[in-house]
Amino acid sequence: MDKQAIETMVRQMFTAFLAQDRAAAEALLSDDFIFTSPNDDHINKADYFERCFPHSDQFKSHTVEQLFVESGAALVRYVAELKDGKRFRNTEYFRFEDGKIKSVDVYFGASESGE
């Protein structure tokens, strides 16, 4: 995949998550997708949609600050804002295979004051 296609898919995944558009998100993920975060250790696609995706209703926005693409992978740093006004910065590492998102590793960051 070229750099532009990867950047587009990353942004589409964030859009699908915020919109709670499961069909759009599922179309982006490989059948053997793996999700890892400090709360979820290498869970599969079904578990991701059961355990993580439903929490998207708590989010107001994701503002991508940096998006780096190299060798079929992307590293994204963003500020997330919850509907209750809390903000925090996370980093996610996306790996791609055969035109789909193969895995995502999320690294939780610190809260932000919003100033």
PDB file of N, CA and C in Angstrom:
ATOM      1  N   MET A   1       0.846  -1.192   0.000  1.00  0.00           N
ATOM      2  CA  MET A   1       0.000   0.000   0.000  1.00  0.00           C
ATOM      3  C   MET A   1       0.882   1.244   0.000  1.00  0.00           C
ATOM      4  N   ASP A   2       0.405   2.263  -0.695  1.00  0.00           N
ATOM      5  CA  ASP A   2       1.185   3.491  -0.691  1.00  0.00           C
ATOM      6  C   ASP A   2       0.836   4.344   0.532  1.00  0.00           C
ATOM      7  N   LYS A   3       1.673   5.342   0.744  1.00  0.00           N
ATOM      8  CA  LYS A   3       1.542   6.201   1.931  1.00  0.00           C
ATOM      9  C   LYS A   3       0.157   6.855   2.019  1.00  0.00           C
ATOM     10  N   GLN A   4      -0.323   7.392   0.900  1.00  0.00           N
ATOM     11  CA  GLN A   4      -1.620   8.080   0.902  1.00  0.00           C
ATOM     12  C   GLN A   4      -2.764   7.129   1.257  1.00  0.00           C
ATOM     13  N   ALA A   5      -2.734   5.908   0.751  1.00  0.00           N
ATOM     14  CA  ALA A   5      -3.784   4.932   1.065  1.00  0.00           C
ATOM     15  C   ALA A   5      -3.785   4.598   2.549  1.00  0.00           C
ATOM     16  N   ILE A   6      -2.612   4.467   3.125  1.00  0.00           N
ATOM     17  CA  ILE A   6      -2.522   4.165   4.561  1.00  0.00           C
ATOM     18  C   ILE A   6      -3.044   5.333   5.384  1.00  0.00           C
ATOM     19  N   GLU A   7      -2.611   6.549   5.045  1.00  0.00           N
ATOM     20  CA  GLU A   7      -3.110   7.731   5.772  1.00  0.00           C
ATOM     21  C   GLU A   7      -4.631   7.810   5.702  1.00  0.00           C
ATOM     22  N   THR A   8      -5.182   7.566   4.531  1.00  0.00           N
ATOM     23  CA  THR A   8      -6.635   7.616   4.345  1.00  0.00           C
ATOM     24  C   THR A   8      -7.325   6.573   5.208  1.00  0.00           C
ATOM     25  N   MET A   9      -6.804   5.360   5.241  1.00  0.00           N
ATOM     26  CA  MET A   9      -7.440   4.304   6.041  1.00  0.00           C
ATOM     27  C   MET A   9      -7.380   4.606   7.526  1.00  0.00           C
ATOM     28  N   VAL A  10      -6.278   5.165   8.000  1.00  0.00           N
ATOM     29  CA  VAL A  10      -6.178   5.540   9.413  1.00  0.00           C
ATOM     30  C   VAL A  10      -7.262   6.559   9.743  1.00  0.00           C
ATOM     31  N   ARG A  11      -7.379   7.575   8.917  1.00  0.00           N
ATOM     32  CA  ARG A  11      -8.390   8.613   9.173  1.00  0.00           C
ATOM     33  C   ARG A  11      -9.814   8.046   9.056  1.00  0.00           C
ATOM     34  N   GLN A  12     -10.025   7.131   8.124  1.00  0.00           N
ATOM     35  CA  GLN A  12     -11.338   6.490   7.999  1.00  0.00           C
ATOM     36  C   GLN A  12     -11.672   5.687   9.250  1.00  0.00           C
ATOM     37  N   MET A  13     -10.679   5.045   9.842  1.00  0.00           N
ATOM     38  CA  MET A  13     -10.928   4.265  11.060  1.00  0.00           C
ATOM     39  C   MET A  13     -11.326   5.177  12.209  1.00  0.00           C
ATOM     40  N   PHE A  14     -10.642   6.310  12.359  1.00  0.00           N
ATOM     41  CA  PHE A  14     -11.022   7.259  13.409  1.00  0.00           C
ATOM     42  C   PHE A  14     -12.433   7.794  13.158  1.00  0.00           C
ATOM     43  N   THR A  15     -12.766   8.085  11.914  1.00  0.00           N
ATOM     44  CA  THR A  15     -14.101   8.577  11.574  1.00  0.00           C
ATOM     45  C   THR A  15     -15.166   7.533  11.881  1.00  0.00           C
ATOM     46  N   ALA A  16     -14.909   6.287  11.495  1.00  0.00           N
ATOM     47  CA  ALA A  16     -15.877   5.207  11.758  1.00  0.00           C
ATOM     48  C   ALA A  16     -16.077   5.008  13.255  1.00  0.00           C
ATOM     49  N   PHE A  17     -14.988   5.079  14.025  1.00  0.00           N
ATOM     50  CA  PHE A  17     -15.079   4.918  15.476  1.00  0.00           C
ATOM     51  C   PHE A  17     -15.959   6.008  16.085  1.00  0.00           C
ATOM     52  N   LEU A  18     -15.678   7.262  15.734  1.00  0.00           N
ATOM     53  CA  LEU A  18     -16.457   8.374  16.300  1.00  0.00           C
ATOM     54  C   LEU A  18     -17.923   8.316  15.896  1.00  0.00           C
ATOM     55  N   ALA A  19     -18.190   7.869  14.680  1.00  0.00           N
ATOM     56  CA  ALA A  19     -19.562   7.800  14.172  1.00  0.00           C
ATOM     57  C   ALA A  19     -20.288   6.537  14.639  1.00  0.00           C
ATOM     58  N   GLN A  20     -19.570   5.672  15.349  1.00  0.00           N
ATOM     59  CA  GLN A  20     -20.107   4.379  15.770  1.00  0.00           C
ATOM     60  C   GLN A  20     -20.619   3.594  14.557  1.00  0.00           C
ATOM     61  N   ASP A  21     -19.851   3.697  13.466  1.00  0.00           N
ATOM     62  CA  ASP A  21     -20.199   3.024  12.220  1.00  0.00           C
ATOM     63  C   ASP A  21     -19.442   1.701  12.148  1.00  0.00           C
ATOM     64  N   ARG A  22     -20.024   0.691  12.745  1.00  0.00           N
ATOM     65  CA  ARG A  22     -19.369  -0.607  12.826  1.00  0.00           C
ATOM     66  C   ARG A  22     -19.102  -1.205  11.445  1.00  0.00           C
ATOM     67  N   ALA A  23     -20.039  -1.069  10.533  1.00  0.00           N
ATOM     68  CA  ALA A  23     -19.862  -1.642   9.195  1.00  0.00           C
ATOM     69  C   ALA A  23     -18.645  -1.030   8.500  1.00  0.00           C
ATOM     70  N   ALA A  24     -18.487   0.282   8.607  1.00  0.00           N
ATOM     71  CA  ALA A  24     -17.332   0.947   7.988  1.00  0.00           C
ATOM     72  C   ALA A  24     -16.034   0.497   8.649  1.00  0.00           C
ATOM     73  N   ALA A  25     -16.036   0.376   9.971  1.00  0.00           N
ATOM     74  CA  ALA A  25     -14.839  -0.074  10.682  1.00  0.00           C
ATOM     75  C   ALA A  25     -14.492  -1.511  10.316  1.00  0.00           C
ATOM     76  N   GLU A  26     -15.491  -2.371  10.294  1.00  0.00           N
ATOM     77  CA  GLU A  26     -15.246  -3.785   9.949  1.00  0.00           C
ATOM     78  C   GLU A  26     -14.652  -3.925   8.555  1.00  0.00           C
ATOM     79  N   ALA A  27     -15.088  -3.095   7.628  1.00  0.00           N
ATOM     80  CA  ALA A  27     -14.576  -3.159   6.261  1.00  0.00           C
ATOM     81  C   ALA A  27     -13.095  -2.795   6.178  1.00  0.00           C
ATOM     82  N   LEU A  28     -12.603  -2.021   7.130  1.00  0.00           N
ATOM     83  CA  LEU A  28     -11.200  -1.604   7.141  1.00  0.00           C
ATOM     84  C   LEU A  28     -10.273  -2.634   7.781  1.00  0.00           C
ATOM     85  N   LEU A  29     -10.831  -3.512   8.615  1.00  0.00           N
ATOM     86  CA  LEU A  29     -10.011  -4.436   9.407  1.00  0.00           C
ATOM     87  C   LEU A  29      -9.914  -5.807   8.753  1.00  0.00           C
ATOM     88  N   SER A  30      -8.736  -6.409   8.843  1.00  0.00           N
ATOM     89  CA  SER A  30      -8.551  -7.765   8.335  1.00  0.00           C
ATOM     90  C   SER A  30      -9.350  -8.743   9.198  1.00  0.00           C
ATOM     91  N   ASP A  31      -9.627  -9.911   8.643  1.00  0.00           N
ATOM     92  CA  ASP A  31     -10.364 -10.927   9.394  1.00  0.00           C
ATOM     93  C   ASP A  31      -9.614 -11.370  10.636  1.00  0.00           C
ATOM     94  N   ASP A  32      -8.275 -11.341  10.569  1.00  0.00           N
ATOM     95  CA  ASP A  32      -7.464 -11.762  11.713  1.00  0.00           C
ATOM     96  C   ASP A  32      -6.872 -10.565  12.480  1.00  0.00           C
ATOM     97  N   PHE A  33      -7.596  -9.455  12.457  1.00  0.00           N
ATOM     98  CA  PHE A  33      -7.204  -8.226  13.153  1.00  0.00           C
ATOM     99  C   PHE A  33      -6.924  -8.491  14.638  1.00  0.00           C
ATOM    100  N   ILE A  34      -5.884  -7.820  15.148  1.00  0.00           N
ATOM    101  CA  ILE A  34      -5.515  -7.906  16.565  1.00  0.00           C
ATOM    102  C   ILE A  34      -5.418  -6.495  17.140  1.00  0.00           C
ATOM    103  N   PHE A  35      -6.005  -6.290  18.310  1.00  0.00           N
ATOM    104  CA  PHE A  35      -5.996  -4.997  19.000  1.00  0.00           C
ATOM    105  C   PHE A  35      -5.315  -5.164  20.351  1.00  0.00           C
ATOM    106  N   THR A  36      -4.405  -4.237  20.626  1.00  0.00           N
ATOM    107  CA  THR A  36      -3.690  -4.263  21.907  1.00  0.00           C
ATOM    108  C   THR A  36      -3.694  -2.876  22.516  1.00  0.00           C
ATOM    109  N   SER A  37      -3.954  -2.802  23.813  1.00  0.00           N
ATOM    110  CA  SER A  37      -3.861  -1.563  24.575  1.00  0.00           C
ATOM    111  C   SER A  37      -3.479  -1.947  26.004  1.00  0.00           C
ATOM    112  N   PRO A  38      -3.247  -0.969  26.865  1.00  0.00           N
ATOM    113  CA  PRO A  38      -2.971  -1.322  28.259  1.00  0.00           C
ATOM    114  C   PRO A  38      -4.114  -2.109  28.919  1.00  0.00           C
ATOM    115  N   ASN A  39      -5.326  -2.014  28.352  1.00  0.00           N
ATOM    116  CA  ASN A  39      -6.478  -2.724  28.912  1.00  0.00           C
ATOM    117  C   ASN A  39      -6.839  -4.007  28.166  1.00  0.00           C
ATOM    118  N   ASP A  40      -6.290  -4.197  26.988  1.00  0.00           N
ATOM    119  CA  ASP A  40      -6.671  -5.321  26.130  1.00  0.00           C
ATOM    120  C   ASP A  40      -5.416  -5.905  25.495  1.00  0.00           C
ATOM    121  N   ASP A  41      -5.092  -7.140  25.826  1.00  0.00           N
ATOM    122  CA  ASP A  41      -3.847  -7.744  25.366  1.00  0.00           C
ATOM    123  C   ASP A  41      -4.087  -8.668  24.178  1.00  0.00           C
ATOM    124  N   HIS A  42      -3.809  -8.169  22.978  1.00  0.00           N
ATOM    125  CA  HIS A  42      -3.909  -8.957  21.750  1.00  0.00           C
ATOM    126  C   HIS A  42      -5.293  -9.612  21.589  1.00  0.00           C
ATOM    127  N   ILE A  43      -6.339  -8.787  21.616  1.00  0.00           N
ATOM    128  CA  ILE A  43      -7.680  -9.333  21.425  1.00  0.00           C
ATOM    129  C   ILE A  43      -8.009  -9.370  19.935  1.00  0.00           C
ATOM    130  N   ASN A  44      -8.893 -10.286  19.558  1.00  0.00           N
ATOM    131  CA  ASN A  44      -9.241 -10.438  18.153  1.00  0.00           C
ATOM    132  C   ASN A  44     -10.325  -9.433  17.738  1.00  0.00           C
ATOM    133  N   LYS A  45     -10.691  -9.492  16.482  1.00  0.00           N
ATOM    134  CA  LYS A  45     -11.647  -8.548  15.904  1.00  0.00           C
ATOM    135  C   LYS A  45     -13.002  -8.604  16.609  1.00  0.00           C
ATOM    136  N   ALA A  46     -13.505  -9.799  16.867  1.00  0.00           N
ATOM    137  CA  ALA A  46     -14.804  -9.939  17.541  1.00  0.00           C
ATOM    138  C   ALA A  46     -14.760  -9.326  18.939  1.00  0.00           C
ATOM    139  N   ASP A  47     -13.685  -9.600  19.669  1.00  0.00           N
ATOM    140  CA  ASP A  47     -13.559  -9.040  21.024  1.00  0.00           C
ATOM    141  C   ASP A  47     -13.408  -7.524  20.982  1.00  0.00           C
ATOM    142  N   TYR A  48     -12.702  -7.012  19.986  1.00  0.00           N
ATOM    143  CA  TYR A  48     -12.562  -5.561  19.836  1.00  0.00           C
ATOM    144  C   TYR A  48     -13.933  -4.912  19.685  1.00  0.00           C
ATOM    145  N   PHE A  49     -14.779  -5.486  18.829  1.00  0.00           N
ATOM    146  CA  PHE A  49     -16.100  -4.898  18.622  1.00  0.00           C
ATOM    147  C   PHE A  49     -17.017  -5.086  19.829  1.00  0.00           C
ATOM    148  N   GLU A  50     -16.767  -6.093  20.630  1.00  0.00           N
ATOM    149  CA  GLU A  50     -17.567  -6.303  21.839  1.00  0.00           C
ATOM    150  C   GLU A  50     -17.087  -5.437  22.998  1.00  0.00           C
ATOM    151  N   ARG A  51     -15.772  -5.315  23.162  1.00  0.00           N
ATOM    152  CA  ARG A  51     -15.210  -4.672  24.357  1.00  0.00           C
ATOM    153  C   ARG A  51     -14.822  -3.216  24.184  1.00  0.00           C
ATOM    154  N   CYS A  52     -14.374  -2.836  23.012  1.00  0.00           N
ATOM    155  CA  CYS A  52     -13.802  -1.499  22.817  1.00  0.00           C
ATOM    156  C   CYS A  52     -14.685  -0.561  22.003  1.00  0.00           C
ATOM    157  N   PHE A  53     -15.166  -1.026  20.883  1.00  0.00           N
ATOM    158  CA  PHE A  53     -15.923  -0.179  19.964  1.00  0.00           C
ATOM    159  C   PHE A  53     -17.151   0.471  20.606  1.00  0.00           C
ATOM    160  N   PRO A  54     -17.872  -0.216  21.486  1.00  0.00           N
ATOM    161  CA  PRO A  54     -19.047   0.425  22.095  1.00  0.00           C
ATOM    162  C   PRO A  54     -18.726   1.694  22.889  1.00  0.00           C
ATOM    163  N   HIS A  55     -17.490   1.860  23.325  1.00  0.00           N
ATOM    164  CA  HIS A  55     -17.109   3.041  24.107  1.00  0.00           C
ATOM    165  C   HIS A  55     -16.918   4.279  23.239  1.00  0.00           C
ATOM    166  N   SER A  56     -17.033   4.112  21.935  1.00  0.00           N
ATOM    167  CA  SER A  56     -16.863   5.260  21.049  1.00  0.00           C
ATOM    168  C   SER A  56     -17.907   6.338  21.313  1.00  0.00           C
ATOM    169  N   ASP A  57     -19.027   5.970  21.920  1.00  0.00           N
ATOM    170  CA  ASP A  57     -20.070   6.960  22.204  1.00  0.00           C
ATOM    171  C   ASP A  57     -19.648   7.962  23.273  1.00  0.00           C
ATOM    172  N   GLN A  58     -18.533   7.711  23.948  1.00  0.00           N
ATOM    173  CA  GLN A  58     -18.029   8.634  24.966  1.00  0.00           C
ATOM    174  C   GLN A  58     -17.161   9.743  24.371  1.00  0.00           C
ATOM    175  N   PHE A  59     -16.783   9.596  23.101  1.00  0.00           N
ATOM    176  CA  PHE A  59     -15.838  10.519  22.480  1.00  0.00           C
ATOM    177  C   PHE A  59     -16.544  11.622  21.695  1.00  0.00           C
ATOM    178  N   LYS A  60     -16.002  12.817  21.807  1.00  0.00           N
ATOM    179  CA  LYS A  60     -16.481  13.957  21.023  1.00  0.00           C
ATOM    180  C   LYS A  60     -15.620  14.122  19.766  1.00  0.00           C
ATOM    181  N   SER A  61     -14.292  13.970  19.921  1.00  0.00           N
ATOM    182  CA  SER A  61     -13.411  14.181  18.778  1.00  0.00           C
ATOM    183  C   SER A  61     -12.054  13.510  18.963  1.00  0.00           C
ATOM    184  N   HIS A  62     -11.383  13.339  17.835  1.00  0.00           N
ATOM    185  CA  HIS A  62      -9.966  12.961  17.778  1.00  0.00           C
ATOM    186  C   HIS A  62      -9.304  14.000  16.870  1.00  0.00           C
ATOM    187  N   THR A  63      -8.276  14.642  17.360  1.00  0.00           N
ATOM    188  CA  THR A  63      -7.525  15.587  16.543  1.00  0.00           C
ATOM    189  C   THR A  63      -6.145  15.004  16.293  1.00  0.00           C
ATOM    190  N   VAL A  64      -5.901  14.607  15.053  1.00  0.00           N
ATOM    191  CA  VAL A  64      -4.611  14.020  14.702  1.00  0.00           C
ATOM    192  C   VAL A  64      -3.571  15.125  14.688  1.00  0.00           C
ATOM    193  N   GLU A  65      -2.531  14.941  15.498  1.00  0.00           N
ATOM    194  CA  GLU A  65      -1.429  15.900  15.557  1.00  0.00           C
ATOM    195  C   GLU A  65      -0.282  15.490  14.643  1.00  0.00           C
ATOM    196  N   GLN A  66       0.000  14.194  14.606  1.00  0.00           N
ATOM    197  CA  GLN A  66       1.081  13.680  13.766  1.00  0.00           C
ATOM    198  C   GLN A  66       0.671  12.321  13.226  1.00  0.00           C
ATOM    199  N   LEU A  67       1.037  12.084  11.974  1.00  0.00           N
ATOM    200  CA  LEU A  67       0.747  10.814  11.325  1.00  0.00           C
ATOM    201  C   LEU A  67       1.942  10.474  10.441  1.00  0.00           C
ATOM    202  N   PHE A  68       2.686   9.468  10.838  1.00  0.00           N
ATOM    203  CA  PHE A  68       3.864   9.025  10.109  1.00  0.00           C
ATOM    204  C   PHE A  68       3.579   7.672   9.472  1.00  0.00           C
ATOM    205  N   VAL A  69       3.970   7.509   8.219  1.00  0.00           N
ATOM    206  CA  VAL A  69       3.767   6.249   7.505  1.00  0.00           C
ATOM    207  C   VAL A  69       5.110   5.772   6.976  1.00  0.00           C
ATOM    208  N   GLU A  70       5.396   4.492   7.221  1.00  0.00           N
ATOM    209  CA  GLU A  70       6.603   3.880   6.685  1.00  0.00           C
ATOM    210  C   GLU A  70       6.462   2.369   6.706  1.00  0.00           C
ATOM    211  N   SER A  71       6.888   1.739   5.626  1.00  0.00           N
ATOM    212  CA  SER A  71       6.961   0.272   5.532  1.00  0.00           C
ATOM    213  C   SER A  71       5.654  -0.423   5.900  1.00  0.00           C
ATOM    214  N   GLY A  72       4.543   0.050   5.372  1.00  0.00           N
ATOM    215  CA  GLY A  72       3.264  -0.600   5.608  1.00  0.00           C
ATOM    216  C   GLY A  72       2.723  -0.434   7.016  1.00  0.00           C
ATOM    217  N   ALA A  73       3.148   0.633   7.693  1.00  0.00           N
ATOM    218  CA  ALA A  73       2.688   0.892   9.060  1.00  0.00           C
ATOM    219  C   ALA A  73       2.498   2.391   9.252  1.00  0.00           C
ATOM    220  N   ALA A  74       1.713   2.743  10.242  1.00  0.00           N
ATOM    221  CA  ALA A  74       1.494   4.159  10.561  1.00  0.00           C
ATOM    222  C   ALA A  74       1.560   4.353  12.066  1.00  0.00           C
ATOM    223  N   LEU A  75       2.139   5.471  12.455  1.00  0.00           N
ATOM    224  CA  LEU A  75       2.191   5.884  13.849  1.00  0.00           C
ATOM    225  C   LEU A  75       1.429   7.191  13.949  1.00  0.00           C
ATOM    226  N   VAL A  76       0.419   7.225  14.815  1.00  0.00           N
ATOM    227  CA  VAL A  76      -0.478   8.364  14.908  1.00  0.00           C
ATOM    228  C   VAL A  76      -0.488   8.880  16.345  1.00  0.00           C
ATOM    229  N   ARG A  77      -0.263  10.185  16.482  1.00  0.00           N
ATOM    230  CA  ARG A  77      -0.414  10.826  17.792  1.00  0.00           C
ATOM    231  C   ARG A  77      -1.594  11.776  17.671  1.00  0.00           C
ATOM    232  N   TYR A  78      -2.504  11.688  18.636  1.00  0.00           N
ATOM    233  CA  TYR A  78      -3.721  12.488  18.555  1.00  0.00           C
ATOM    234  C   TYR A  78      -4.171  12.916  19.951  1.00  0.00           C
ATOM    235  N   VAL A  79      -5.002  13.944  19.955  1.00  0.00           N
ATOM    236  CA  VAL A  79      -5.677  14.380  21.174  1.00  0.00           C
ATOM    237  C   VAL A  79      -7.122  13.937  21.049  1.00  0.00           C
ATOM    238  N   ALA A  80      -7.586  13.226  22.053  1.00  0.00           N
ATOM    239  CA  ALA A  80      -8.983  12.796  22.104  1.00  0.00           C
ATOM    240  C   ALA A  80      -9.711  13.674  23.110  1.00  0.00           C
ATOM    241  N   GLU A  81     -10.925  14.057  22.757  1.00  0.00           N
ATOM    242  CA  GLU A  81     -11.770  14.802  23.682  1.00  0.00           C
ATOM    243  C   GLU A  81     -13.031  13.993  23.924  1.00  0.00           C
ATOM    244  N   LEU A  82     -13.330  13.788  25.198  1.00  0.00           N
ATOM    245  CA  LEU A  82     -14.541  13.074  25.568  1.00  0.00           C
ATOM    246  C   LEU A  82     -15.714  14.051  25.631  1.00  0.00           C
ATOM    247  N   LYS A  83     -16.911  13.533  25.602  1.00  0.00           N
ATOM    248  CA  LYS A  83     -18.098  14.382  25.662  1.00  0.00           C
ATOM    249  C   LYS A  83     -18.205  15.126  26.981  1.00  0.00           C
ATOM    250  N   ASP A  84     -17.539  14.614  28.030  1.00  0.00           N
ATOM    251  CA  ASP A  84     -17.556  15.310  29.324  1.00  0.00           C
ATOM    252  C   ASP A  84     -16.487  16.404  29.416  1.00  0.00           C
ATOM    253  N   GLY A  85     -15.756  16.645  28.321  1.00  0.00           N
ATOM    254  CA  GLY A  85     -14.771  17.708  28.264  1.00  0.00           C
ATOM    255  C   GLY A  85     -13.338  17.279  28.577  1.00  0.00           C
ATOM    256  N   LYS A  86     -13.144  16.076  29.104  1.00  0.00           N
ATOM    257  CA  LYS A  86     -11.786  15.603  29.391  1.00  0.00           C
ATOM    258  C   LYS A  86     -11.043  15.382  28.080  1.00  0.00           C
ATOM    259  N   ARG A  87      -9.737  15.684  28.116  1.00  0.00           N
ATOM    260  CA  ARG A  87      -8.884  15.526  26.942  1.00  0.00           C
ATOM    261  C   ARG A  87      -7.643  14.743  27.319  1.00  0.00           C
ATOM    262  N   PHE A  88      -7.152  13.951  26.377  1.00  0.00           N
ATOM    263  CA  PHE A  88      -5.921  13.214  26.599  1.00  0.00           C
ATOM    264  C   PHE A  88      -5.255  12.935  25.257  1.00  0.00           C
ATOM    265  N   ARG A  89      -3.959  12.681  25.332  1.00  0.00           N
ATOM    266  CA  ARG A  89      -3.185  12.388  24.126  1.00  0.00           C
ATOM    267  C   ARG A  89      -2.818  10.913  24.133  1.00  0.00           C
ATOM    268  N   ASN A  90      -3.051  10.243  23.003  1.00  0.00           N
ATOM    269  CA  ASN A  90      -2.672   8.842  22.812  1.00  0.00           C
ATOM    270  C   ASN A  90      -1.825   8.716  21.557  1.00  0.00           C
ATOM    271  N   THR A  91      -1.169   7.577  21.453  1.00  0.00           N
ATOM    272  CA  THR A  91      -0.446   7.200  20.244  1.00  0.00           C
ATOM    273  C   THR A  91      -0.916   5.811  19.840  1.00  0.00           C
ATOM    274  N   GLU A  92      -1.110   5.609  18.540  1.00  0.00           N
ATOM    275  CA  GLU A  92      -1.525   4.305  18.030  1.00  0.00           C
ATOM    276  C   GLU A  92      -0.591   3.896  16.895  1.00  0.00           C
ATOM    277  N   TYR A  93      -0.247   2.613  16.892  1.00  0.00           N
ATOM    278  CA  TYR A  93       0.601   2.040  15.860  1.00  0.00           C
ATOM    279  C   TYR A  93      -0.245   1.074  15.038  1.00  0.00           C
ATOM    280  N   PHE A  94      -0.463   1.401  13.766  1.00  0.00           N
ATOM    281  CA  PHE A  94      -1.264   0.598  12.841  1.00  0.00           C
ATOM    282  C   PHE A  94      -0.325  -0.204  11.951  1.00  0.00           C
ATOM    283  N   ARG A  95      -0.633  -1.484  11.754  1.00  0.00           N
ATOM    284  CA  ARG A  95       0.068  -2.311  10.766  1.00  0.00           C
ATOM    285  C   ARG A  95      -0.945  -2.745   9.716  1.00  0.00           C
ATOM    286  N   PHE A  96      -0.506  -2.785   8.468  1.00  0.00           N
ATOM    287  CA  PHE A  96      -1.380  -3.087   7.337  1.00  0.00           C
ATOM    288  C   PHE A  96      -0.885  -4.323   6.600  1.00  0.00           C
ATOM    289  N   GLU A  97      -1.842  -5.065   6.047  1.00  0.00           N
ATOM    290  CA  GLU A  97      -1.506  -6.230   5.234  1.00  0.00           C
ATOM    291  C   GLU A  97      -2.638  -6.463   4.245  1.00  0.00           C
ATOM    292  N   ASP A  98      -2.308  -6.661   2.999  1.00  0.00           N
ATOM    293  CA  ASP A  98      -3.289  -6.945   1.950  1.00  0.00           C
ATOM    294  C   ASP A  98      -4.418  -5.912   1.895  1.00  0.00           C
ATOM    295  N   GLY A  99      -4.071  -4.642   2.060  1.00  0.00           N
ATOM    296  CA  GLY A  99      -5.047  -3.568   1.929  1.00  0.00           C
ATOM    297  C   GLY A  99      -5.994  -3.398   3.107  1.00  0.00           C
ATOM    298  N   LYS A 100      -5.678  -4.019   4.236  1.00  0.00           N
ATOM    299  CA  LYS A 100      -6.525  -3.926   5.437  1.00  0.00           C
ATOM    300  C   LYS A 100      -5.657  -3.590   6.653  1.00  0.00           C
ATOM    301  N   ILE A 101      -6.305  -3.130   7.707  1.00  0.00           N
ATOM    302  CA  ILE A 101      -5.610  -2.902   8.970  1.00  0.00           C
ATOM    303  C   ILE A 101      -5.453  -4.254   9.651  1.00  0.00           C
ATOM    304  N   LYS A 102      -4.227  -4.673   9.840  1.00  0.00           N
ATOM    305  CA  LYS A 102      -3.903  -5.982  10.427  1.00  0.00           C
ATOM    306  C   LYS A 102      -3.903  -5.913  11.951  1.00  0.00           C
ATOM    307  N   SER A 103      -3.397  -4.797  12.501  1.00  0.00           N
ATOM    308  CA  SER A 103      -3.364  -4.665  13.960  1.00  0.00           C
ATOM    309  C   SER A 103      -3.237  -3.202  14.356  1.00  0.00           C
ATOM    310  N   VAL A 104      -3.653  -2.940  15.587  1.00  0.00           N
ATOM    311  CA  VAL A 104      -3.497  -1.618  16.191  1.00  0.00           C
ATOM    312  C   VAL A 104      -3.013  -1.827  17.616  1.00  0.00           C
ATOM    313  N   ASP A 105      -1.937  -1.117  17.960  1.00  0.00           N
ATOM    314  CA  ASP A 105      -1.429  -1.077  19.335  1.00  0.00           C
ATOM    315  C   ASP A 105      -1.644   0.343  19.841  1.00  0.00           C
ATOM    316  N   VAL A 106      -2.351   0.486  20.962  1.00  0.00           N
ATOM    317  CA  VAL A 106      -2.646   1.793  21.528  1.00  0.00           C
ATOM    318  C   VAL A 106      -1.788   2.016  22.768  1.00  0.00           C
ATOM    319  N   TYR A 107      -1.201   3.205  22.835  1.00  0.00           N
ATOM    320  CA  TYR A 107      -0.403   3.614  23.990  1.00  0.00           C
ATOM    321  C   TYR A 107      -1.081   4.817  24.606  1.00  0.00           C
ATOM    322  N   PHE A 108      -1.583   4.667  25.830  1.00  0.00           N
ATOM    323  CA  PHE A 108      -2.307   5.731  26.503  1.00  0.00           C
ATOM    324  C   PHE A 108      -1.360   6.821  26.947  1.00  0.00           C
ATOM    325  N   GLY A 109      -1.811   8.062  26.806  1.00  0.00           N
ATOM    326  CA  GLY A 109      -1.014   9.202  27.212  1.00  0.00           C
ATOM    327  C   GLY A 109      -1.641   9.949  28.372  1.00  0.00           C
ATOM    328  N   ALA A 110      -1.068  11.055  28.678  1.00  0.00           N
ATOM    329  CA  ALA A 110      -1.490  11.864  29.816  1.00  0.00           C
ATOM    330  C   ALA A 110      -2.721  12.695  29.481  1.00  0.00           C
ATOM    331  N   SER A 111      -3.415  13.082  30.529  1.00  0.00           N
ATOM    332  CA  SER A 111      -4.534  14.010  30.373  1.00  0.00           C
ATOM    333  C   SER A 111      -4.001  15.372  29.944  1.00  0.00           C
ATOM    334  N   GLU A 112      -4.853  16.140  29.292  1.00  0.00           N
ATOM    335  CA  GLU A 112      -4.484  17.483  28.863  1.00  0.00           C
ATOM    336  C   GLU A 112      -5.395  18.474  29.551  1.00  0.00           C
ATOM    337  N   SER A 113      -4.868  19.646  29.795  1.00  0.00           N
ATOM    338  CA  SER A 113      -5.659  20.690  30.445  1.00  0.00           C
ATOM    339  C   SER A 113      -6.598  21.375  29.475  1.00  0.00           C
ATOM    340  N   GLY A 114      -6.311  21.250  28.173  1.00  0.00           N
ATOM    341  CA  GLY A 114      -7.136  21.903  27.180  1.00  0.00           C
ATOM    342  C   GLY A 114      -6.748  23.353  26.941  1.00  0.00           C
ATOM    343  N   GLU A 115      -5.677  23.799  27.567  1.00  0.00           N
ATOM    344  CA  GLU A 115      -5.236  25.194  27.407  1.00  0.00           C
ATOM    345  C   GLU A 115      -4.332  25.344  26.215  1.00  0.00           C
TER     346      GLU A 115
END
